[in-house]
Amino acid sequence: MSKSKFPVTPAIRFLRDHQIPYEPMEYAYVEHGGTAQSALALNVDEHAVIKTIVLQNEQKQGLIVLMHGDRHISTRQLARELGMKHIESASPQQASKWTGYLVGGTSPFGNKAGLPIYVEESIYALPLIYINGGKRGFLVKIQPQYLACLQPQSVHVATETE
């Protein structure tokens, strides 16, 4: 694929501005397909496909958690680790307002509101990750240490999927 053929999103501009090497990977987006569908389409391990989840605390302040595609976030544990009373998913409308991205195409890179970012610690042990590039059906392959440019806080809040 020629470099000029993939979407140039705010996330891609962020990666370029920070000189982060990445490989763009497009696939046929399926509504509600989630990371299982993108992993299958790209023939990669779902554990290495990283979800960008927009949440909010009891004061309706937003935050982003990066999580393995095959894991869930324990919001109770996250609230405990962050010293908050309650954390829940943000509505798709609120998530889009904060990030500037559509749900299913949310990237931690170049998000509009500059929400605080938390990373499941075990993500750093992976050799490569596949994370949203700012558009549905578009992931970028990067080395996880480049997440440091987001100045994230590490958390231990992963739970097994049902």
N, C-alpha and C. Protein backbone atom coordinates (compact mmCIF):
# COMPACT_ATOMS: atom_id res chain seq x y z
N MET A 1 0.85 -1.18 0.00
CA MET A 1 0.00 0.00 0.00
C MET A 1 0.90 1.24 0.00
N SER A 2 0.60 2.13 -0.87
CA SER A 2 1.36 3.39 -0.96
C SER A 2 1.06 4.27 0.25
N LYS A 3 2.05 4.95 0.72
CA LYS A 3 1.90 5.77 1.94
C LYS A 3 0.80 6.82 1.80
N SER A 4 0.54 7.29 0.59
CA SER A 4 -0.44 8.37 0.41
C SER A 4 -1.87 7.87 0.38
N LYS A 5 -2.10 6.55 0.41
CA LYS A 5 -3.45 6.00 0.26
C LYS A 5 -4.23 5.90 1.57
N PHE A 6 -3.59 5.95 2.71
CA PHE A 6 -4.31 5.80 3.97
C PHE A 6 -4.79 7.16 4.48
N PRO A 7 -5.80 7.17 5.38
CA PRO A 7 -6.34 8.43 5.89
C PRO A 7 -5.32 9.22 6.71
N VAL A 8 -5.32 10.53 6.55
CA VAL A 8 -4.47 11.39 7.38
C VAL A 8 -5.40 12.03 8.42
N THR A 9 -5.43 11.41 9.57
CA THR A 9 -6.30 11.82 10.68
C THR A 9 -5.50 12.66 11.68
N PRO A 10 -6.16 13.25 12.67
CA PRO A 10 -5.41 13.92 13.74
C PRO A 10 -4.41 12.98 14.42
N ALA A 11 -4.75 11.70 14.52
CA ALA A 11 -3.84 10.72 15.13
C ALA A 11 -2.57 10.57 14.29
N ILE A 12 -2.72 10.48 12.99
CA ILE A 12 -1.57 10.35 12.09
C ILE A 12 -0.71 11.61 12.15
N ARG A 13 -1.35 12.76 12.18
CA ARG A 13 -0.59 14.02 12.31
C ARG A 13 0.20 14.04 13.61
N PHE A 14 -0.42 13.56 14.71
CA PHE A 14 0.25 13.49 16.01
C PHE A 14 1.48 12.58 15.92
N LEU A 15 1.31 11.38 15.34
CA LEU A 15 2.42 10.45 15.22
C LEU A 15 3.56 11.06 14.39
N ARG A 16 3.21 11.73 13.31
CA ARG A 16 4.22 12.37 12.47
C ARG A 16 4.93 13.49 13.24
N ASP A 17 4.14 14.33 13.93
CA ASP A 17 4.71 15.45 14.69
C ASP A 17 5.68 14.97 15.76
N HIS A 18 5.39 13.80 16.35
CA HIS A 18 6.23 13.24 17.40
C HIS A 18 7.27 12.25 16.87
N GLN A 19 7.36 12.16 15.55
CA GLN A 19 8.34 11.30 14.87
C GLN A 19 8.28 9.86 15.37
N ILE A 20 7.06 9.35 15.48
CA ILE A 20 6.84 7.99 15.93
C ILE A 20 6.66 7.10 14.71
N PRO A 21 7.51 6.09 14.55
CA PRO A 21 7.35 5.19 13.41
C PRO A 21 6.09 4.34 13.57
N TYR A 22 5.34 4.22 12.48
CA TYR A 22 4.11 3.44 12.51
C TYR A 22 3.88 2.81 11.15
N GLU A 23 3.06 1.78 11.15
CA GLU A 23 2.65 1.15 9.90
C GLU A 23 1.13 1.22 9.84
N PRO A 24 0.56 1.90 8.84
CA PRO A 24 -0.89 1.98 8.71
C PRO A 24 -1.48 0.65 8.25
N MET A 25 -2.62 0.28 8.81
CA MET A 25 -3.27 -0.99 8.46
C MET A 25 -4.78 -0.75 8.38
N GLU A 26 -5.31 -0.85 7.16
CA GLU A 26 -6.75 -0.68 6.96
C GLU A 26 -7.42 -2.04 6.82
N TYR A 27 -8.68 -2.09 7.22
CA TYR A 27 -9.48 -3.32 7.10
C TYR A 27 -10.94 -2.90 6.94
N ALA A 28 -11.77 -3.84 6.54
CA ALA A 28 -13.21 -3.57 6.36
C ALA A 28 -13.85 -3.49 7.75
N TYR A 29 -14.29 -2.29 8.13
CA TYR A 29 -14.91 -2.08 9.44
C TYR A 29 -16.27 -2.76 9.48
N VAL A 30 -16.55 -3.44 10.59
CA VAL A 30 -17.84 -4.08 10.82
C VAL A 30 -18.43 -3.47 12.09
N GLU A 31 -19.62 -2.88 11.98
CA GLU A 31 -20.31 -2.30 13.14
C GLU A 31 -20.42 -3.34 14.26
N HIS A 32 -20.00 -2.99 15.47
CA HIS A 32 -20.02 -3.86 16.65
C HIS A 32 -19.11 -5.09 16.51
N GLY A 33 -18.17 -5.05 15.56
CA GLY A 33 -17.25 -6.17 15.38
C GLY A 33 -16.14 -6.19 16.41
N GLY A 34 -15.81 -5.02 16.91
CA GLY A 34 -14.81 -4.91 17.96
C GLY A 34 -13.43 -5.38 17.55
N THR A 35 -12.61 -5.61 18.57
CA THR A 35 -11.22 -6.01 18.32
C THR A 35 -11.11 -7.41 17.76
N ALA A 36 -12.08 -8.27 18.04
CA ALA A 36 -12.04 -9.63 17.49
C ALA A 36 -12.09 -9.57 15.97
N GLN A 37 -12.97 -8.71 15.44
CA GLN A 37 -13.12 -8.59 14.00
C GLN A 37 -11.87 -7.97 13.36
N SER A 38 -11.33 -6.91 13.98
CA SER A 38 -10.14 -6.28 13.40
C SER A 38 -8.94 -7.22 13.47
N ALA A 39 -8.80 -7.98 14.55
CA ALA A 39 -7.69 -8.94 14.67
C ALA A 39 -7.80 -10.01 13.59
N LEU A 40 -9.01 -10.49 13.37
CA LEU A 40 -9.24 -11.51 12.34
C LEU A 40 -8.93 -10.94 10.95
N ALA A 41 -9.43 -9.74 10.67
CA ALA A 41 -9.23 -9.11 9.36
C ALA A 41 -7.75 -8.87 9.07
N LEU A 42 -6.98 -8.53 10.10
CA LEU A 42 -5.56 -8.21 9.92
C LEU A 42 -4.65 -9.40 10.22
N ASN A 43 -5.26 -10.52 10.65
CA ASN A 43 -4.50 -11.73 10.99
C ASN A 43 -3.45 -11.47 12.08
N VAL A 44 -3.90 -10.83 13.16
CA VAL A 44 -3.02 -10.56 14.30
C VAL A 44 -3.71 -11.05 15.58
N ASP A 45 -2.95 -11.20 16.64
CA ASP A 45 -3.46 -11.64 17.94
C ASP A 45 -4.33 -10.54 18.55
N GLU A 46 -5.55 -10.89 18.94
CA GLU A 46 -6.45 -9.90 19.53
C GLU A 46 -5.87 -9.28 20.80
N HIS A 47 -5.03 -10.00 21.51
CA HIS A 47 -4.39 -9.47 22.73
C HIS A 47 -3.53 -8.24 22.41
N ALA A 48 -2.99 -8.18 21.18
CA ALA A 48 -2.12 -7.07 20.77
C ALA A 48 -2.90 -5.93 20.12
N VAL A 49 -4.21 -6.14 19.89
CA VAL A 49 -5.06 -5.06 19.38
C VAL A 49 -5.53 -4.28 20.60
N ILE A 50 -5.18 -3.01 20.66
CA ILE A 50 -5.43 -2.21 21.86
C ILE A 50 -6.66 -1.34 21.69
N LYS A 51 -7.60 -1.48 22.62
CA LYS A 51 -8.82 -0.68 22.62
C LYS A 51 -8.54 0.67 23.28
N THR A 52 -9.17 1.71 22.75
CA THR A 52 -9.13 3.04 23.35
C THR A 52 -10.52 3.28 23.92
N ILE A 53 -10.65 3.18 25.24
CA ILE A 53 -11.95 3.27 25.90
C ILE A 53 -12.08 4.62 26.61
N VAL A 54 -13.17 5.33 26.30
CA VAL A 54 -13.43 6.63 26.93
C VAL A 54 -14.41 6.41 28.08
N LEU A 55 -13.98 6.82 29.25
CA LEU A 55 -14.76 6.66 30.48
C LEU A 55 -14.97 8.02 31.12
N GLN A 56 -15.79 8.04 32.17
CA GLN A 56 -15.96 9.27 32.96
C GLN A 56 -16.10 8.91 34.42
N ASN A 57 -15.65 9.86 35.27
CA ASN A 57 -15.75 9.63 36.71
C ASN A 57 -17.05 10.22 37.24
N GLU A 58 -17.20 10.18 38.56
CA GLU A 58 -18.43 10.65 39.19
C GLU A 58 -18.68 12.14 38.97
N GLN A 59 -17.64 12.88 38.63
CA GLN A 59 -17.80 14.32 38.37
C GLN A 59 -17.95 14.61 36.88
N LYS A 60 -18.20 13.56 36.10
CA LYS A 60 -18.39 13.65 34.65
C LYS A 60 -17.14 14.17 33.93
N GLN A 61 -15.97 13.88 34.50
CA GLN A 61 -14.70 14.22 33.87
C GLN A 61 -14.23 13.00 33.08
N GLY A 62 -13.78 13.24 31.86
CA GLY A 62 -13.39 12.15 30.99
C GLY A 62 -11.98 11.64 31.22
N LEU A 63 -11.76 10.39 30.84
CA LEU A 63 -10.44 9.78 30.86
C LEU A 63 -10.43 8.66 29.83
N ILE A 64 -9.24 8.29 29.41
CA ILE A 64 -9.07 7.23 28.42
C ILE A 64 -8.27 6.10 29.04
N VAL A 65 -8.71 4.86 28.78
CA VAL A 65 -7.95 3.69 29.20
C VAL A 65 -7.62 2.88 27.95
N LEU A 66 -6.35 2.51 27.83
CA LEU A 66 -5.90 1.63 26.75
C LEU A 66 -5.84 0.21 27.31
N MET A 67 -6.55 -0.71 26.63
CA MET A 67 -6.70 -2.06 27.14
C MET A 67 -6.54 -3.08 26.01
N HIS A 68 -6.02 -4.25 26.36
CA HIS A 68 -5.93 -5.36 25.41
C HIS A 68 -7.32 -5.64 24.83
N GLY A 69 -7.35 -6.00 23.56
CA GLY A 69 -8.62 -6.28 22.91
C GLY A 69 -9.38 -7.45 23.51
N ASP A 70 -8.67 -8.40 24.08
CA ASP A 70 -9.32 -9.59 24.64
C ASP A 70 -9.51 -9.49 26.15
N ARG A 71 -9.46 -8.30 26.69
CA ARG A 71 -9.66 -8.09 28.12
C ARG A 71 -10.71 -6.99 28.35
N HIS A 72 -11.26 -6.97 29.55
CA HIS A 72 -12.18 -5.92 29.97
C HIS A 72 -11.49 -5.05 31.02
N ILE A 73 -12.07 -3.90 31.29
CA ILE A 73 -11.57 -3.00 32.33
C ILE A 73 -12.42 -3.20 33.58
N SER A 74 -11.77 -3.43 34.70
CA SER A 74 -12.48 -3.43 35.98
C SER A 74 -12.60 -1.96 36.41
N THR A 75 -13.78 -1.38 36.17
CA THR A 75 -13.95 0.04 36.53
C THR A 75 -13.88 0.24 38.03
N ARG A 76 -14.28 -0.77 38.78
CA ARG A 76 -14.19 -0.70 40.25
C ARG A 76 -12.72 -0.60 40.68
N GLN A 77 -11.88 -1.47 40.10
CA GLN A 77 -10.45 -1.45 40.41
C GLN A 77 -9.82 -0.14 39.93
N LEU A 78 -10.21 0.33 38.75
CA LEU A 78 -9.68 1.58 38.21
C LEU A 78 -10.01 2.74 39.15
N ALA A 79 -11.26 2.83 39.59
CA ALA A 79 -11.66 3.89 40.52
C ALA A 79 -10.82 3.82 41.79
N ARG A 80 -10.61 2.60 42.29
CA ARG A 80 -9.80 2.41 43.51
C ARG A 80 -8.38 2.91 43.28
N GLU A 81 -7.76 2.49 42.14
CA GLU A 81 -6.37 2.89 41.86
C GLU A 81 -6.23 4.40 41.68
N LEU A 82 -7.27 5.05 41.15
CA LEU A 82 -7.19 6.49 40.88
C LEU A 82 -7.76 7.33 42.01
N GLY A 83 -8.26 6.69 43.05
CA GLY A 83 -8.81 7.42 44.19
C GLY A 83 -10.12 8.13 43.85
N MET A 84 -10.91 7.52 42.97
CA MET A 84 -12.20 8.09 42.59
C MET A 84 -13.32 7.22 43.15
N LYS A 85 -14.51 7.79 43.23
CA LYS A 85 -15.64 7.04 43.78
C LYS A 85 -16.25 6.09 42.76
N HIS A 86 -16.37 6.56 41.51
CA HIS A 86 -17.10 5.78 40.50
C HIS A 86 -16.56 6.12 39.11
N ILE A 87 -16.43 5.10 38.28
CA ILE A 87 -16.04 5.29 36.88
C ILE A 87 -16.95 4.44 36.02
N GLU A 88 -17.44 5.04 34.94
CA GLU A 88 -18.33 4.33 34.02
C GLU A 88 -18.01 4.75 32.59
N SER A 89 -18.56 4.01 31.63
CA SER A 89 -18.37 4.36 30.23
C SER A 89 -19.02 5.70 29.93
N ALA A 90 -18.35 6.48 29.10
CA ALA A 90 -18.96 7.72 28.61
C ALA A 90 -19.92 7.36 27.49
N SER A 91 -20.93 8.16 27.28
CA SER A 91 -21.85 7.91 26.17
C SER A 91 -21.08 8.11 24.86
N PRO A 92 -21.51 7.45 23.78
CA PRO A 92 -20.83 7.65 22.50
C PRO A 92 -20.78 9.14 22.08
N GLN A 93 -21.84 9.88 22.37
CA GLN A 93 -21.87 11.30 22.02
C GLN A 93 -20.83 12.08 22.83
N GLN A 94 -20.75 11.80 24.13
CA GLN A 94 -19.79 12.49 24.98
C GLN A 94 -18.37 12.11 24.60
N ALA A 95 -18.14 10.82 24.33
CA ALA A 95 -16.81 10.35 23.94
C ALA A 95 -16.36 11.05 22.66
N SER A 96 -17.26 11.17 21.71
CA SER A 96 -16.94 11.84 20.45
C SER A 96 -16.66 13.32 20.66
N LYS A 97 -17.43 13.94 21.53
CA LYS A 97 -17.23 15.37 21.83
C LYS A 97 -15.85 15.61 22.45
N TRP A 98 -15.45 14.75 23.38
CA TRP A 98 -14.15 14.89 24.04
C TRP A 98 -12.98 14.59 23.12
N THR A 99 -13.12 13.54 22.31
CA THR A 99 -11.98 13.07 21.53
C THR A 99 -11.92 13.62 20.11
N GLY A 100 -13.08 13.96 19.55
CA GLY A 100 -13.13 14.37 18.15
C GLY A 100 -13.21 13.18 17.21
N TYR A 101 -13.32 11.97 17.76
CA TYR A 101 -13.40 10.75 16.97
C TYR A 101 -14.75 10.07 17.16
N LEU A 102 -15.17 9.30 16.14
CA LEU A 102 -16.37 8.47 16.27
C LEU A 102 -16.02 7.21 17.06
N VAL A 103 -16.98 6.72 17.85
CA VAL A 103 -16.78 5.45 18.55
C VAL A 103 -16.50 4.38 17.49
N GLY A 104 -15.50 3.56 17.74
CA GLY A 104 -15.05 2.58 16.76
C GLY A 104 -13.86 3.09 15.97
N GLY A 105 -13.60 4.38 16.11
CA GLY A 105 -12.47 5.01 15.43
C GLY A 105 -11.69 5.90 16.37
N THR A 106 -11.84 5.67 17.68
CA THR A 106 -11.20 6.53 18.68
C THR A 106 -9.73 6.17 18.85
N SER A 107 -8.88 7.16 18.74
CA SER A 107 -7.45 6.99 18.94
C SER A 107 -7.02 7.78 20.17
N PRO A 108 -6.02 7.29 20.91
CA PRO A 108 -5.51 8.10 22.02
C PRO A 108 -4.64 9.24 21.52
N PHE A 109 -4.20 9.14 20.26
CA PHE A 109 -3.32 10.16 19.69
C PHE A 109 -4.14 11.29 19.10
N GLY A 110 -3.83 12.52 19.48
CA GLY A 110 -4.50 13.67 18.90
C GLY A 110 -5.93 13.85 19.36
N ASN A 111 -6.26 13.38 20.56
CA ASN A 111 -7.65 13.59 21.01
C ASN A 111 -7.86 15.05 21.40
N LYS A 112 -9.04 15.54 21.06
CA LYS A 112 -9.37 16.96 21.13
C LYS A 112 -9.23 17.59 22.51
N ALA A 113 -9.76 16.91 23.53
CA ALA A 113 -9.81 17.51 24.87
C ALA A 113 -8.56 17.25 25.69
N GLY A 114 -7.62 16.47 25.17
CA GLY A 114 -6.41 16.17 25.94
C GLY A 114 -6.73 15.41 27.21
N LEU A 115 -7.62 14.44 27.12
CA LEU A 115 -8.02 13.66 28.30
C LEU A 115 -6.82 12.91 28.89
N PRO A 116 -6.81 12.71 30.21
CA PRO A 116 -5.74 11.91 30.82
C PRO A 116 -5.84 10.47 30.30
N ILE A 117 -4.69 9.85 30.12
CA ILE A 117 -4.64 8.51 29.54
C ILE A 117 -3.99 7.54 30.52
N TYR A 118 -4.62 6.37 30.63
CA TYR A 118 -4.15 5.30 31.49
C TYR A 118 -3.93 4.07 30.62
N VAL A 119 -2.83 3.36 30.86
CA VAL A 119 -2.46 2.21 30.06
C VAL A 119 -2.37 0.97 30.94
N GLU A 120 -3.03 -0.10 30.54
CA GLU A 120 -2.87 -1.37 31.23
C GLU A 120 -1.40 -1.74 31.14
N GLU A 121 -0.74 -1.90 32.28
CA GLU A 121 0.71 -2.10 32.38
C GLU A 121 1.23 -3.21 31.47
N SER A 122 0.50 -4.31 31.35
CA SER A 122 0.98 -5.46 30.58
C SER A 122 1.09 -5.18 29.08
N ILE A 123 0.51 -4.11 28.60
CA ILE A 123 0.62 -3.74 27.18
C ILE A 123 2.09 -3.49 26.82
N TYR A 124 2.85 -2.94 27.76
CA TYR A 124 4.26 -2.63 27.49
C TYR A 124 5.11 -3.87 27.25
N ALA A 125 4.63 -5.05 27.66
CA ALA A 125 5.40 -6.29 27.46
C ALA A 125 5.28 -6.84 26.04
N LEU A 126 4.34 -6.30 25.26
CA LEU A 126 4.15 -6.78 23.89
C LEU A 126 5.21 -6.19 22.97
N PRO A 127 5.65 -6.96 21.96
CA PRO A 127 6.64 -6.42 21.03
C PRO A 127 6.05 -5.35 20.10
N LEU A 128 4.80 -5.54 19.69
CA LEU A 128 4.10 -4.59 18.82
C LEU A 128 2.65 -4.52 19.24
N ILE A 129 2.04 -3.35 19.02
CA ILE A 129 0.61 -3.21 19.28
C ILE A 129 -0.07 -2.63 18.04
N TYR A 130 -1.35 -2.88 17.97
CA TYR A 130 -2.19 -2.37 16.88
C TYR A 130 -3.25 -1.51 17.54
N ILE A 131 -3.22 -0.21 17.26
CA ILE A 131 -4.08 0.73 17.96
C ILE A 131 -4.75 1.64 16.94
N ASN A 132 -5.93 2.14 17.28
CA ASN A 132 -6.70 2.89 16.31
C ASN A 132 -5.96 4.12 15.80
N GLY A 133 -6.06 4.32 14.51
CA GLY A 133 -5.42 5.45 13.84
C GLY A 133 -6.34 6.64 13.64
N GLY A 134 -7.52 6.63 14.28
CA GLY A 134 -8.39 7.80 14.22
C GLY A 134 -9.53 7.69 13.23
N LYS A 135 -9.80 6.47 12.77
CA LYS A 135 -10.89 6.26 11.82
C LYS A 135 -11.33 4.81 11.93
N ARG A 136 -12.62 4.56 11.76
CA ARG A 136 -13.12 3.18 11.76
C ARG A 136 -12.45 2.41 10.64
N GLY A 137 -11.97 1.20 10.96
CA GLY A 137 -11.32 0.37 9.96
C GLY A 137 -9.87 0.75 9.70
N PHE A 138 -9.25 1.42 10.66
CA PHE A 138 -7.88 1.91 10.45
C PHE A 138 -7.08 1.80 11.74
N LEU A 139 -6.11 0.88 11.77
CA LEU A 139 -5.22 0.73 12.92
C LEU A 139 -3.81 1.10 12.50
N VAL A 140 -2.99 1.46 13.47
CA VAL A 140 -1.56 1.66 13.22
C VAL A 140 -0.79 0.67 14.08
N LYS A 141 0.25 0.11 13.48
CA LYS A 141 1.13 -0.83 14.20
C LYS A 141 2.31 -0.02 14.71
N ILE A 142 2.51 -0.05 16.03
CA ILE A 142 3.64 0.67 16.64
C ILE A 142 4.24 -0.19 17.75
N GLN A 143 5.41 0.21 18.22
CA GLN A 143 5.99 -0.42 19.40
C GLN A 143 5.37 0.26 20.62
N PRO A 144 5.01 -0.51 21.65
CA PRO A 144 4.28 0.05 22.79
C PRO A 144 5.04 1.14 23.56
N GLN A 145 6.37 1.14 23.51
CA GLN A 145 7.09 2.17 24.26
C GLN A 145 6.77 3.58 23.74
N TYR A 146 6.28 3.68 22.50
CA TYR A 146 5.94 5.00 21.96
C TYR A 146 4.68 5.59 22.58
N LEU A 147 3.95 4.79 23.36
CA LEU A 147 2.81 5.33 24.09
C LEU A 147 3.27 6.38 25.11
N ALA A 148 4.55 6.36 25.46
CA ALA A 148 5.09 7.30 26.44
C ALA A 148 4.85 8.76 26.03
N CYS A 149 4.74 9.01 24.71
CA CYS A 149 4.51 10.39 24.26
C CYS A 149 3.17 10.92 24.75
N LEU A 150 2.28 10.04 25.17
CA LEU A 150 0.97 10.44 25.69
C LEU A 150 1.02 10.79 27.17
N GLN A 151 2.17 10.56 27.79
CA GLN A 151 2.37 10.76 29.23
C GLN A 151 1.29 10.02 30.04
N PRO A 152 1.14 8.72 29.74
CA PRO A 152 0.08 7.97 30.42
C PRO A 152 0.51 7.51 31.81
N GLN A 153 -0.47 7.12 32.59
CA GLN A 153 -0.22 6.49 33.89
C GLN A 153 -0.53 5.01 33.72
N SER A 154 0.34 4.16 34.24
CA SER A 154 0.10 2.71 34.17
C SER A 154 -0.89 2.29 35.24
N VAL A 155 -1.76 1.35 34.86
CA VAL A 155 -2.75 0.80 35.79
C VAL A 155 -2.77 -0.72 35.62
N HIS A 156 -3.35 -1.39 36.62
CA HIS A 156 -3.53 -2.85 36.58
C HIS A 156 -5.02 -3.12 36.78
N VAL A 157 -5.78 -3.04 35.70
CA VAL A 157 -7.24 -3.14 35.81
C VAL A 157 -7.85 -4.11 34.80
N ALA A 158 -7.03 -4.97 34.18
CA ALA A 158 -7.53 -5.91 33.19
C ALA A 158 -8.26 -7.07 33.86
N THR A 159 -9.37 -7.48 33.27
CA THR A 159 -10.07 -8.69 33.68
C THR A 159 -10.28 -9.53 32.44
N GLU A 160 -10.44 -10.83 32.63
CA GLU A 160 -10.66 -11.75 31.51
C GLU A 160 -12.02 -11.44 30.87
N THR A 161 -12.10 -11.67 29.58
CA THR A 161 -13.39 -11.53 28.90
C THR A 161 -14.27 -12.71 29.29
N GLU A 162 -15.57 -12.50 29.21
CA GLU A 162 -16.50 -13.57 29.58
C GLU A 162 -16.50 -14.64 28.54
